[in-house]
Amino acid sequence: MRPDLAPAIQRVAQLREEAARPAPRASLLGEIEDALSEGYAHALEGDEWSMATEQRLHELMTDPDVPARGRSLRALASEHARFQSTVMRLRTDLAALRRDRDRLHIGALGRSA
């Protein structure tokens, strides 16, 4: 079953909005750390689904005994492409959140010195 990455993408977006505020709350760094861990775990689940889907695409392309191969191949290839875009978006958003975390961490260090 294809993982639903939408909640992870939404959580990252919300945390990025909070990180952009002039005075983010103190607990935000911990929440960002949790979101990064969970987000990368979701991305790995997405990679797993993609690899399994690529294997199925290969089977559809090479097995002449599969009925309705063309239609199945097109549908699966389209779903795979859309999902790959979602996984890439999640990874891009996570990288941006990681940069936000680093910026907040450096700012917190400066305020405590």
PDB file of N, CA and C in Angstrom:
ATOM      1  N   MET A   1       0.847  -1.176   0.000  1.00  0.00           N
ATOM      2  CA  MET A   1       0.000   0.000   0.000  1.00  0.00           C
ATOM      3  C   MET A   1       0.896   1.244   0.000  1.00  0.00           C
ATOM      4  N   ARG A   2       0.529   2.182  -0.816  1.00  0.00           N
ATOM      5  CA  ARG A   2       1.307   3.413  -0.965  1.00  0.00           C
ATOM      6  C   ARG A   2       1.181   4.256   0.299  1.00  0.00           C
ATOM      7  N   PRO A   3       2.309   4.698   0.869  1.00  0.00           N
ATOM      8  CA  PRO A   3       2.251   5.533   2.068  1.00  0.00           C
ATOM      9  C   PRO A   3       1.628   6.902   1.783  1.00  0.00           C
ATOM     10  N   ASP A   4       0.939   7.435   2.771  1.00  0.00           N
ATOM     11  CA  ASP A   4       0.358   8.774   2.665  1.00  0.00           C
ATOM     12  C   ASP A   4       1.363   9.759   3.263  1.00  0.00           C
ATOM     13  N   LEU A   5       1.996  10.537   2.423  1.00  0.00           N
ATOM     14  CA  LEU A   5       3.011  11.473   2.867  1.00  0.00           C
ATOM     15  C   LEU A   5       2.452  12.864   3.170  1.00  0.00           C
ATOM     16  N   ALA A   6       1.192  13.090   2.855  1.00  0.00           N
ATOM     17  CA  ALA A   6       0.588  14.411   3.039  1.00  0.00           C
ATOM     18  C   ALA A   6       0.681  14.913   4.478  1.00  0.00           C
ATOM     19  N   PRO A   7       0.384  14.094   5.499  1.00  0.00           N
ATOM     20  CA  PRO A   7       0.493  14.607   6.871  1.00  0.00           C
ATOM     21  C   PRO A   7       1.915  15.056   7.224  1.00  0.00           C
ATOM     22  N   ALA A   8       2.921  14.331   6.774  1.00  0.00           N
ATOM     23  CA  ALA A   8       4.311  14.720   7.055  1.00  0.00           C
ATOM     24  C   ALA A   8       4.647  16.036   6.359  1.00  0.00           C
ATOM     25  N   ILE A   9       4.214  16.184   5.113  1.00  0.00           N
ATOM     26  CA  ILE A   9       4.466  17.427   4.376  1.00  0.00           C
ATOM     27  C   ILE A   9       3.774  18.599   5.064  1.00  0.00           C
ATOM     28  N   GLN A  10       2.548  18.395   5.527  1.00  0.00           N
ATOM     29  CA  GLN A  10       1.810  19.459   6.212  1.00  0.00           C
ATOM     30  C   GLN A  10       2.486  19.839   7.534  1.00  0.00           C
ATOM     31  N   ARG A  11       2.944  18.834   8.277  1.00  0.00           N
ATOM     32  CA  ARG A  11       3.600  19.112   9.557  1.00  0.00           C
ATOM     33  C   ARG A  11       4.878  19.921   9.336  1.00  0.00           C
ATOM     34  N   VAL A  12       5.658  19.539   8.346  1.00  0.00           N
ATOM     35  CA  VAL A  12       6.891  20.269   8.044  1.00  0.00           C
ATOM     36  C   VAL A  12       6.560  21.719   7.683  1.00  0.00           C
ATOM     37  N   ALA A  13       5.538  21.918   6.872  1.00  0.00           N
ATOM     38  CA  ALA A  13       5.149  23.281   6.475  1.00  0.00           C
ATOM     39  C   ALA A  13       4.747  24.111   7.697  1.00  0.00           C
ATOM     40  N   GLN A  14       3.983  23.516   8.601  1.00  0.00           N
ATOM     41  CA  GLN A  14       3.562  24.241   9.804  1.00  0.00           C
ATOM     42  C   GLN A  14       4.767  24.619  10.665  1.00  0.00           C
ATOM     43  N   LEU A  15       5.694  23.687  10.834  1.00  0.00           N
ATOM     44  CA  LEU A  15       6.872  23.972  11.651  1.00  0.00           C
ATOM     45  C   LEU A  15       7.768  25.028  11.003  1.00  0.00           C
ATOM     46  N   ARG A  16       7.849  25.005   9.672  1.00  0.00           N
ATOM     47  CA  ARG A  16       8.639  26.028   8.978  1.00  0.00           C
ATOM     48  C   ARG A  16       8.024  27.404   9.170  1.00  0.00           C
ATOM     49  N   GLU A  17       6.697  27.479   9.148  1.00  0.00           N
ATOM     50  CA  GLU A  17       6.022  28.758   9.395  1.00  0.00           C
ATOM     51  C   GLU A  17       6.338  29.259  10.797  1.00  0.00           C
ATOM     52  N   GLU A  18       6.282  28.356  11.776  1.00  0.00           N
ATOM     53  CA  GLU A  18       6.586  28.759  13.149  1.00  0.00           C
ATOM     54  C   GLU A  18       8.043  29.176  13.294  1.00  0.00           C
ATOM     55  N   ALA A  19       8.940  28.477  12.627  1.00  0.00           N
ATOM     56  CA  ALA A  19      10.371  28.795  12.709  1.00  0.00           C
ATOM     57  C   ALA A  19      10.672  30.157  12.101  1.00  0.00           C
ATOM     58  N   ALA A  20       9.844  30.609  11.176  1.00  0.00           N
ATOM     59  CA  ALA A  20      10.065  31.898  10.508  1.00  0.00           C
ATOM     60  C   ALA A  20       9.600  33.082  11.358  1.00  0.00           C
ATOM     61  N   ARG A  21       8.872  32.825  12.416  1.00  0.00           N
ATOM     62  CA  ARG A  21       8.388  33.914  13.276  1.00  0.00           C
ATOM     63  C   ARG A  21       9.558  34.559  14.013  1.00  0.00           C
ATOM     64  N   PRO A  22       9.404  35.850  14.343  1.00  0.00           N
ATOM     65  CA  PRO A  22      10.495  36.562  15.012  1.00  0.00           C
ATOM     66  C   PRO A  22      10.909  35.956  16.360  1.00  0.00           C
ATOM     67  N   ALA A  23       9.963  35.449  17.115  1.00  0.00           N
ATOM     68  CA  ALA A  23      10.293  34.891  18.433  1.00  0.00           C
ATOM     69  C   ALA A  23       9.643  33.506  18.573  1.00  0.00           C
ATOM     70  N   PRO A  24      10.242  32.481  17.976  1.00  0.00           N
ATOM     71  CA  PRO A  24       9.643  31.142  18.070  1.00  0.00           C
ATOM     72  C   PRO A  24       9.695  30.625  19.510  1.00  0.00           C
ATOM     73  N   ARG A  25       8.737  29.792  19.857  1.00  0.00           N
ATOM     74  CA  ARG A  25       8.676  29.242  21.217  1.00  0.00           C
ATOM     75  C   ARG A  25       9.834  28.281  21.465  1.00  0.00           C
ATOM     76  N   ALA A  26      10.170  28.118  22.711  1.00  0.00           N
ATOM     77  CA  ALA A  26      11.348  27.336  23.099  1.00  0.00           C
ATOM     78  C   ALA A  26      11.222  25.853  22.717  1.00  0.00           C
ATOM     79  N   SER A  27      10.032  25.313  22.733  1.00  0.00           N
ATOM     80  CA  SER A  27       9.849  23.882  22.445  1.00  0.00           C
ATOM     81  C   SER A  27       9.930  23.551  20.957  1.00  0.00           C
ATOM     82  N   LEU A  28      10.048  24.557  20.125  1.00  0.00           N
ATOM     83  CA  LEU A  28      10.024  24.336  18.676  1.00  0.00           C
ATOM     84  C   LEU A  28      11.193  23.472  18.205  1.00  0.00           C
ATOM     85  N   LEU A  29      12.387  23.679  18.752  1.00  0.00           N
ATOM     86  CA  LEU A  29      13.532  22.872  18.309  1.00  0.00           C
ATOM     87  C   LEU A  29      13.285  21.386  18.503  1.00  0.00           C
ATOM     88  N   GLY A  30      12.737  21.007  19.644  1.00  0.00           N
ATOM     89  CA  GLY A  30      12.431  19.595  19.903  1.00  0.00           C
ATOM     90  C   GLY A  30      11.388  19.056  18.937  1.00  0.00           C
ATOM     91  N   GLU A  31      10.374  19.860  18.649  1.00  0.00           N
ATOM     92  CA  GLU A  31       9.332  19.441  17.706  1.00  0.00           C
ATOM     93  C   GLU A  31       9.907  19.283  16.297  1.00  0.00           C
ATOM     94  N   ILE A  32      10.815  20.165  15.949  1.00  0.00           N
ATOM     95  CA  ILE A  32      11.454  20.060  14.627  1.00  0.00           C
ATOM     96  C   ILE A  32      12.282  18.784  14.550  1.00  0.00           C
ATOM     97  N   GLU A  33      13.021  18.486  15.610  1.00  0.00           N
ATOM     98  CA  GLU A  33      13.815  17.240  15.635  1.00  0.00           C
ATOM     99  C   GLU A  33      12.913  16.026  15.439  1.00  0.00           C
ATOM    100  N   ASP A  34      11.785  15.999  16.150  1.00  0.00           N
ATOM    101  CA  ASP A  34      10.836  14.885  16.014  1.00  0.00           C
ATOM    102  C   ASP A  34      10.296  14.799  14.589  1.00  0.00           C
ATOM    103  N   ALA A  35       9.942  15.956  14.032  1.00  0.00           N
ATOM    104  CA  ALA A  35       9.384  15.982  12.674  1.00  0.00           C
ATOM    105  C   ALA A  35      10.417  15.531  11.650  1.00  0.00           C
ATOM    106  N   LEU A  36      11.675  15.908  11.853  1.00  0.00           N
ATOM    107  CA  LEU A  36      12.727  15.461  10.931  1.00  0.00           C
ATOM    108  C   LEU A  36      12.878  13.943  10.983  1.00  0.00           C
ATOM    109  N   SER A  37      12.918  13.391  12.185  1.00  0.00           N
ATOM    110  CA  SER A  37      13.048  11.935  12.325  1.00  0.00           C
ATOM    111  C   SER A  37      11.872  11.208  11.681  1.00  0.00           C
ATOM    112  N   GLU A  38      10.679  11.662  12.016  1.00  0.00           N
ATOM    113  CA  GLU A  38       9.481  11.024  11.468  1.00  0.00           C
ATOM    114  C   GLU A  38       9.386  11.236   9.957  1.00  0.00           C
ATOM    115  N   GLY A  39       9.728  12.433   9.507  1.00  0.00           N
ATOM    116  CA  GLY A  39       9.651  12.735   8.076  1.00  0.00           C
ATOM    117  C   GLY A  39      10.600  11.876   7.260  1.00  0.00           C
ATOM    118  N   TYR A  40      11.839  11.713   7.738  1.00  0.00           N
ATOM    119  CA  TYR A  40      12.781  10.864   7.004  1.00  0.00           C
ATOM    120  C   TYR A  40      12.342   9.401   7.039  1.00  0.00           C
ATOM    121  N   ALA A  41      11.712   8.977   8.133  1.00  0.00           N
ATOM    122  CA  ALA A  41      11.173   7.613   8.186  1.00  0.00           C
ATOM    123  C   ALA A  41      10.070   7.442   7.137  1.00  0.00           C
ATOM    124  N   HIS A  42       9.215   8.448   6.996  1.00  0.00           N
ATOM    125  CA  HIS A  42       8.164   8.391   5.970  1.00  0.00           C
ATOM    126  C   HIS A  42       8.780   8.377   4.568  1.00  0.00           C
ATOM    127  N   ALA A  43       9.830   9.170   4.373  1.00  0.00           N
ATOM    128  CA  ALA A  43      10.492   9.190   3.063  1.00  0.00           C
ATOM    129  C   ALA A  43      11.080   7.818   2.747  1.00  0.00           C
ATOM    130  N   LEU A  44      11.640   7.158   3.744  1.00  0.00           N
ATOM    131  CA  LEU A  44      12.171   5.803   3.522  1.00  0.00           C
ATOM    132  C   LEU A  44      11.052   4.815   3.186  1.00  0.00           C
ATOM    133  N   GLU A  45       9.903   4.964   3.837  1.00  0.00           N
ATOM    134  CA  GLU A  45       8.746   4.134   3.486  1.00  0.00           C
ATOM    135  C   GLU A  45       8.345   4.383   2.035  1.00  0.00           C
ATOM    136  N   GLY A  46       8.411   5.648   1.641  1.00  0.00           N
ATOM    137  CA  GLY A  46       8.108   5.995   0.253  1.00  0.00           C
ATOM    138  C   GLY A  46       9.103   5.364  -0.706  1.00  0.00           C
ATOM    139  N   ASP A  47      10.379   5.364  -0.333  1.00  0.00           N
ATOM    140  CA  ASP A  47      11.395   4.712  -1.167  1.00  0.00           C
ATOM    141  C   ASP A  47      11.116   3.226  -1.306  1.00  0.00           C
ATOM    142  N   GLU A  48      10.700   2.610  -0.201  1.00  0.00           N
ATOM    143  CA  GLU A  48      10.396   1.180  -0.229  1.00  0.00           C
ATOM    144  C   GLU A  48       9.239   0.893  -1.193  1.00  0.00           C
ATOM    145  N   TRP A  49       8.188   1.712  -1.109  1.00  0.00           N
ATOM    146  CA  TRP A  49       7.053   1.530  -2.018  1.00  0.00           C
ATOM    147  C   TRP A  49       7.498   1.744  -3.464  1.00  0.00           C
ATOM    148  N   SER A  50       8.310   2.760  -3.689  1.00  0.00           N
ATOM    149  CA  SER A  50       8.778   3.045  -5.047  1.00  0.00           C
ATOM    150  C   SER A  50       9.583   1.888  -5.624  1.00  0.00           C
ATOM    151  N   MET A  51      10.449   1.317  -4.803  1.00  0.00           N
ATOM    152  CA  MET A  51      11.251   0.187  -5.286  1.00  0.00           C
ATOM    153  C   MET A  51      10.369  -1.011  -5.624  1.00  0.00           C
ATOM    154  N   ALA A  52       9.388  -1.289  -4.791  1.00  0.00           N
ATOM    155  CA  ALA A  52       8.470  -2.394  -5.072  1.00  0.00           C
ATOM    156  C   ALA A  52       7.670  -2.111  -6.342  1.00  0.00           C
ATOM    157  N   THR A  53       7.272  -0.865  -6.516  1.00  0.00           N
ATOM    158  CA  THR A  53       6.514  -0.484  -7.708  1.00  0.00           C
ATOM    159  C   THR A  53       7.380  -0.598  -8.956  1.00  0.00           C
ATOM    160  N   GLU A  54       8.638  -0.194  -8.849  1.00  0.00           N
ATOM    161  CA  GLU A  54       9.548  -0.336  -9.989  1.00  0.00           C
ATOM    162  C   GLU A  54       9.727  -1.805 -10.370  1.00  0.00           C
ATOM    163  N   GLN A  55       9.781  -2.667  -9.370  1.00  0.00           N
ATOM    164  CA  GLN A  55       9.874  -4.107  -9.651  1.00  0.00           C
ATOM    165  C   GLN A  55       8.629  -4.588 -10.393  1.00  0.00           C
ATOM    166  N   ARG A  56       7.455  -4.122  -9.934  1.00  0.00           N
ATOM    167  CA  ARG A  56       6.201  -4.511 -10.596  1.00  0.00           C
ATOM    168  C   ARG A  56       6.165  -3.963 -12.026  1.00  0.00           C
ATOM    169  N   LEU A  57       6.637  -2.742 -12.229  1.00  0.00           N
ATOM    170  CA  LEU A  57       6.695  -2.184 -13.583  1.00  0.00           C
ATOM    171  C   LEU A  57       7.585  -3.044 -14.479  1.00  0.00           C
ATOM    172  N   HIS A  58       8.705  -3.458 -13.946  1.00  0.00           N
ATOM    173  CA  HIS A  58       9.610  -4.323 -14.712  1.00  0.00           C
ATOM    174  C   HIS A  58       8.908  -5.637 -15.087  1.00  0.00           C
ATOM    175  N   GLU A  59       8.184  -6.213 -14.136  1.00  0.00           N
ATOM    176  CA  GLU A  59       7.451  -7.452 -14.412  1.00  0.00           C
ATOM    177  C   GLU A  59       6.419  -7.242 -15.514  1.00  0.00           C
ATOM    178  N   LEU A  60       5.695  -6.134 -15.441  1.00  0.00           N
ATOM    179  CA  LEU A  60       4.677  -5.854 -16.461  1.00  0.00           C
ATOM    180  C   LEU A  60       5.311  -5.672 -17.844  1.00  0.00           C
ATOM    181  N   MET A  61       6.499  -5.066 -17.875  1.00  0.00           N
ATOM    182  CA  MET A  61       7.157  -4.827 -19.166  1.00  0.00           C
ATOM    183  C   MET A  61       7.743  -6.101 -19.764  1.00  0.00           C
ATOM    184  N   THR A  62       8.134  -7.036 -18.935  1.00  0.00           N
ATOM    185  CA  THR A  62       8.857  -8.195 -19.450  1.00  0.00           C
ATOM    186  C   THR A  62       8.049  -9.478 -19.493  1.00  0.00           C
ATOM    187  N   ASP A  63       6.900  -9.549 -18.833  1.00  0.00           N
ATOM    188  CA  ASP A  63       6.118 -10.782 -18.802  1.00  0.00           C
ATOM    189  C   ASP A  63       5.013 -10.722 -19.856  1.00  0.00           C
ATOM    190  N   PRO A  64       5.159 -11.470 -20.932  1.00  0.00           N
ATOM    191  CA  PRO A  64       4.153 -11.432 -21.993  1.00  0.00           C
ATOM    192  C   PRO A  64       2.834 -12.086 -21.594  1.00  0.00           C
ATOM    193  N   ASP A  65       2.814 -12.814 -20.503  1.00  0.00           N
ATOM    194  CA  ASP A  65       1.602 -13.513 -20.080  1.00  0.00           C
ATOM    195  C   ASP A  65       0.675 -12.651 -19.222  1.00  0.00           C
ATOM    196  N   VAL A  66       1.108 -11.445 -18.875  1.00  0.00           N
ATOM    197  CA  VAL A  66       0.275 -10.572 -18.055  1.00  0.00           C
ATOM    198  C   VAL A  66      -0.825  -9.984 -18.931  1.00  0.00           C
ATOM    199  N   PRO A  67      -2.104 -10.229 -18.577  1.00  0.00           N
ATOM    200  CA  PRO A  67      -3.203  -9.671 -19.375  1.00  0.00           C
ATOM    201  C   PRO A  67      -3.317  -8.153 -19.173  1.00  0.00           C
ATOM    202  N   ALA A  68      -3.772  -7.478 -20.184  1.00  0.00           N
ATOM    203  CA  ALA A  68      -3.984  -6.023 -20.151  1.00  0.00           C
ATOM    204  C   ALA A  68      -2.724  -5.300 -19.684  1.00  0.00           C
ATOM    205  N   ARG A  69      -1.607  -5.758 -20.160  1.00  0.00           N
ATOM    206  CA  ARG A  69      -0.319  -5.239 -19.720  1.00  0.00           C
ATOM    207  C   ARG A  69      -0.170  -3.738 -19.992  1.00  0.00           C
ATOM    208  N   GLY A  70      -0.543  -3.278 -21.148  1.00  0.00           N
ATOM    209  CA  GLY A  70      -0.362  -1.874 -21.503  1.00  0.00           C
ATOM    210  C   GLY A  70      -1.105  -0.933 -20.587  1.00  0.00           C
ATOM    211  N   ARG A  71      -2.361  -1.239 -20.333  1.00  0.00           N
ATOM    212  CA  ARG A  71      -3.187  -0.378 -19.471  1.00  0.00           C
ATOM    213  C   ARG A  71      -2.637  -0.378 -18.040  1.00  0.00           C
ATOM    214  N   SER A  72      -2.306  -1.553 -17.537  1.00  0.00           N
ATOM    215  CA  SER A  72      -1.754  -1.662 -16.186  1.00  0.00           C
ATOM    216  C   SER A  72      -0.422  -0.941 -16.077  1.00  0.00           C
ATOM    217  N   LEU A  73       0.383  -1.082 -17.105  1.00  0.00           N
ATOM    218  CA  LEU A  73       1.696  -0.454 -17.111  1.00  0.00           C
ATOM    219  C   LEU A  73       1.572   1.065 -17.082  1.00  0.00           C
ATOM    220  N   ARG A  74       0.704   1.603 -17.911  1.00  0.00           N
ATOM    221  CA  ARG A  74       0.510   3.051 -17.944  1.00  0.00           C
ATOM    222  C   ARG A  74      -0.009   3.579 -16.611  1.00  0.00           C
ATOM    223  N   ALA A  75      -0.990   2.900 -16.040  1.00  0.00           N
ATOM    224  CA  ALA A  75      -1.574   3.358 -14.777  1.00  0.00           C
ATOM    225  C   ALA A  75      -0.543   3.317 -13.654  1.00  0.00           C
ATOM    226  N   LEU A  76       0.191   2.236 -13.576  1.00  0.00           N
ATOM    227  CA  LEU A  76       1.185   2.108 -12.512  1.00  0.00           C
ATOM    228  C   LEU A  76       2.335   3.088 -12.705  1.00  0.00           C
ATOM    229  N   ALA A  77       2.770   3.276 -13.934  1.00  0.00           N
ATOM    230  CA  ALA A  77       3.852   4.230 -14.202  1.00  0.00           C
ATOM    231  C   ALA A  77       3.422   5.649 -13.844  1.00  0.00           C
ATOM    232  N   SER A  78       2.190   5.986 -14.120  1.00  0.00           N
ATOM    233  CA  SER A  78       1.675   7.315 -13.790  1.00  0.00           C
ATOM    234  C   SER A  78       1.605   7.506 -12.269  1.00  0.00           C
ATOM    235  N   GLU A  79       1.095   6.501 -11.572  1.00  0.00           N
ATOM    236  CA  GLU A  79       1.015   6.574 -10.111  1.00  0.00           C
ATOM    237  C   GLU A  79       2.416   6.679  -9.507  1.00  0.00           C
ATOM    238  N   HIS A  80       3.344   5.912 -10.039  1.00  0.00           N
ATOM    239  CA  HIS A  80       4.722   5.935  -9.548  1.00  0.00           C
ATOM    240  C   HIS A  80       5.340   7.322  -9.746  1.00  0.00           C
ATOM    241  N   ALA A  81       5.143   7.917 -10.898  1.00  0.00           N
ATOM    242  CA  ALA A  81       5.711   9.236 -11.177  1.00  0.00           C
ATOM    243  C   ALA A  81       5.142  10.293 -10.231  1.00  0.00           C
ATOM    244  N   ARG A  82       3.830  10.255 -10.010  1.00  0.00           N
ATOM    245  CA  ARG A  82       3.207  11.217  -9.086  1.00  0.00           C
ATOM    246  C   ARG A  82       3.753  11.029  -7.673  1.00  0.00           C
ATOM    247  N   PHE A  83       3.888   9.781  -7.262  1.00  0.00           N
ATOM    248  CA  PHE A  83       4.365   9.511  -5.916  1.00  0.00           C
ATOM    249  C   PHE A  83       5.826   9.921  -5.758  1.00  0.00           C
ATOM    250  N   GLN A  84       6.632   9.671  -6.772  1.00  0.00           N
ATOM    251  CA  GLN A  84       8.044  10.075  -6.716  1.00  0.00           C
ATOM    252  C   GLN A  84       8.152  11.585  -6.528  1.00  0.00           C
ATOM    253  N   SER A  85       7.287  12.330  -7.181  1.00  0.00           N
ATOM    254  CA  SER A  85       7.278  13.791  -7.007  1.00  0.00           C
ATOM    255  C   SER A  85       6.959  14.161  -5.561  1.00  0.00           C
ATOM    256  N   THR A  86       6.043  13.432  -4.954  1.00  0.00           N
ATOM    257  CA  THR A  86       5.670  13.691  -3.564  1.00  0.00           C
ATOM    258  C   THR A  86       6.832  13.371  -2.627  1.00  0.00           C
ATOM    259  N   VAL A  87       7.520  12.258  -2.866  1.00  0.00           N
ATOM    260  CA  VAL A  87       8.672  11.897  -2.034  1.00  0.00           C
ATOM    261  C   VAL A  87       9.767  12.960  -2.175  1.00  0.00           C
ATOM    262  N   MET A  88      10.011  13.414  -3.396  1.00  0.00           N
ATOM    263  CA  MET A  88      11.025  14.450  -3.602  1.00  0.00           C
ATOM    264  C   MET A  88      10.638  15.748  -2.896  1.00  0.00           C
ATOM    265  N   ARG A  89       9.357  16.083  -2.932  1.00  0.00           N
ATOM    266  CA  ARG A  89       8.899  17.291  -2.235  1.00  0.00           C
ATOM    267  C   ARG A  89       9.130  17.147  -0.736  1.00  0.00           C
ATOM    268  N   LEU A  90       8.798  15.975  -0.182  1.00  0.00           N
ATOM    269  CA  LEU A  90       9.006  15.760   1.244  1.00  0.00           C
ATOM    270  C   LEU A  90      10.483  15.905   1.597  1.00  0.00           C
ATOM    271  N   ARG A  91      11.351  15.303   0.815  1.00  0.00           N
ATOM    272  CA  ARG A  91      12.792  15.389   1.100  1.00  0.00           C
ATOM    273  C   ARG A  91      13.300  16.844   0.988  1.00  0.00           C
ATOM    274  N   THR A  92      12.811  17.579   0.004  1.00  0.00           N
ATOM    275  CA  THR A  92      13.195  18.987  -0.155  1.00  0.00           C
ATOM    276  C   THR A  92      12.708  19.814   1.041  1.00  0.00           C
ATOM    277  N   ASP A  93      11.471  19.578   1.448  1.00  0.00           N
ATOM    278  CA  ASP A  93      10.912  20.290   2.598  1.00  0.00           C
ATOM    279  C   ASP A  93      11.663  19.945   3.882  1.00  0.00           C
ATOM    280  N   LEU A  94      12.043  18.679   4.038  1.00  0.00           N
ATOM    281  CA  LEU A  94      12.804  18.266   5.216  1.00  0.00           C
ATOM    282  C   LEU A  94      14.174  18.931   5.250  1.00  0.00           C
ATOM    283  N   ALA A  95      14.801  19.054   4.097  1.00  0.00           N
ATOM    284  CA  ALA A  95      16.107  19.723   4.035  1.00  0.00           C
ATOM    285  C   ALA A  95      15.968  21.186   4.452  1.00  0.00           C
ATOM    286  N   ALA A  96      14.907  21.841   4.016  1.00  0.00           N
ATOM    287  CA  ALA A  96      14.672  23.234   4.402  1.00  0.00           C
ATOM    288  C   ALA A  96      14.394  23.335   5.904  1.00  0.00           C
ATOM    289  N   LEU A  97      13.640  22.385   6.442  1.00  0.00           N
ATOM    290  CA  LEU A  97      13.358  22.381   7.878  1.00  0.00           C
ATOM    291  C   LEU A  97      14.643  22.151   8.671  1.00  0.00           C
ATOM    292  N   ARG A  98      15.513  21.315   8.164  1.00  0.00           N
ATOM    293  CA  ARG A  98      16.808  21.076   8.826  1.00  0.00           C
ATOM    294  C   ARG A  98      17.618  22.386   8.873  1.00  0.00           C
ATOM    295  N   ARG A  99      17.603  23.142   7.778  1.00  0.00           N
ATOM    296  CA  ARG A  99      18.300  24.436   7.770  1.00  0.00           C
ATOM    297  C   ARG A  99      17.663  25.404   8.778  1.00  0.00           C
ATOM    298  N   ASP A 100      16.323  25.384   8.865  1.00  0.00           N
ATOM    299  CA  ASP A 100      15.635  26.209   9.861  1.00  0.00           C
ATOM    300  C   ASP A 100      16.067  25.806  11.273  1.00  0.00           C
ATOM    301  N   ARG A 101      16.148  24.510  11.515  1.00  0.00           N
ATOM    302  CA  ARG A 101      16.577  24.017  12.823  1.00  0.00           C
ATOM    303  C   ARG A 101      17.978  24.513  13.156  1.00  0.00           C
ATOM    304  N   ASP A 102      18.872  24.413  12.180  1.00  0.00           N
ATOM    305  CA  ASP A 102      20.248  24.863  12.402  1.00  0.00           C
ATOM    306  C   ASP A 102      20.286  26.357  12.725  1.00  0.00           C
ATOM    307  N   ARG A 103      19.508  27.142  12.003  1.00  0.00           N
ATOM    308  CA  ARG A 103      19.455  28.585  12.236  1.00  0.00           C
ATOM    309  C   ARG A 103      18.914  28.884  13.630  1.00  0.00           C
ATOM    310  N   LEU A 104      17.853  28.187  14.026  1.00  0.00           N
ATOM    311  CA  LEU A 104      17.278  28.399  15.359  1.00  0.00           C
ATOM    312  C   LEU A 104      18.252  27.969  16.450  1.00  0.00           C
ATOM    313  N   HIS A 105      18.943  26.878  16.209  1.00  0.00           N
ATOM    314  CA  HIS A 105      19.901  26.378  17.195  1.00  0.00           C
ATOM    315  C   HIS A 105      21.042  27.378  17.390  1.00  0.00           C
ATOM    316  N   ILE A 106      21.551  27.916  16.299  1.00  0.00           N
ATOM    317  CA  ILE A 106      22.617  28.915  16.384  1.00  0.00           C
ATOM    318  C   ILE A 106      22.106  30.164  17.094  1.00  0.00           C
ATOM    319  N   GLY A 107      20.882  30.567  16.787  1.00  0.00           N
ATOM    320  CA  GLY A 107      20.287  31.725  17.457  1.00  0.00           C
ATOM    321  C   GLY A 107      20.121  31.488  18.948  1.00  0.00           C
ATOM    322  N   ALA A 108      19.725  30.284  19.328  1.00  0.00           N
ATOM    323  CA  ALA A 108      19.554  29.958  20.756  1.00  0.00           C
ATOM    324  C   ALA A 108      20.895  29.970  21.463  1.00  0.00           C
ATOM    325  N   LEU A 109      21.930  29.497  20.789  1.00  0.00           N
ATOM    326  CA  LEU A 109      23.271  29.523  21.377  1.00  0.00           C
ATOM    327  C   LEU A 109      23.729  30.956  21.604  1.00  0.00           C
ATOM    328  N   GLY A 110      23.449  31.834  20.641  1.00  0.00           N
ATOM    329  CA  GLY A 110      23.840  33.240  20.756  1.00  0.00           C
ATOM    330  C   GLY A 110      23.120  33.946  21.889  1.00  0.00           C
ATOM    331  N   ARG A 111      21.846  33.609  22.107  1.00  0.00           N
ATOM    332  CA  ARG A 111      21.082  34.238  23.185  1.00  0.00           C
ATOM    333  C   ARG A 111      21.521  33.739  24.564  1.00  0.00           C
ATOM    334  N   SER A 112      22.019  32.500  24.632  1.00  0.00           N
ATOM    335  CA  SER A 112      22.416  31.957  25.931  1.00  0.00           C
ATOM    336  C   SER A 112      23.839  32.337  26.320  1.00  0.00           C
ATOM    337  N   ALA A 113      24.610  32.880  25.369  1.00  0.00           N
ATOM    338  CA  ALA A 113      26.002  33.234  25.671  1.00  0.00           C
ATOM    339  C   ALA A 113      26.129  34.566  26.353  1.00  0.00           C
TER     340      ALA A 113
END
